[in-house]
């Protein structure tokens, strides 16, 4: 039998409760710009930010989060809701430009029973999808094959995302 290792997944499974007790999203958002790559922060706005998912469903899996630490979607202000949705839209544009997915899953997992790995800080998932990206690997071996180097993908997406956000800001 041959083995394909997805070492990052076992690290997540073994540490999910510890990870969930600390807010890694707040930690990442509070880093200075020179540490954004290390913490996978793609963009930090006034009330929200975009970060790559360290444990992605697919390559290019992003999360758009309020900067304010909250577990209550209904507490989001109009300003936060607007910026989050604009960042979701810009993220989709950047992913289309850089990795050409065939579609997207976009959504919120609110609460542990809804699939939230981190309940304490809500976040919207932007997951690129391709025809045929579901196969036997996740079903039989809980393994996902991600074919592009993580930081290379970060660099491509960040460049496109920042350009798109600048263009949208100029439009007003």
Foldseek 3Di string as FASTA:
>chain_A
DDDDDPPLVVVCVVCLVVCQVDPLVLVQLPDPPVCNLVSQWLDDDDFKTKGADPDAPAQLKIKIFTNDFALDPVPDDPVNVVVSVVLLVLSVVLCCVQPNAPDWDKAWQRDVVSPDSHRRTTIIITHGHHVPLDDCCCVPPVDHDYPDDRSVSSVSSSVSSVVSVVVVVVVD
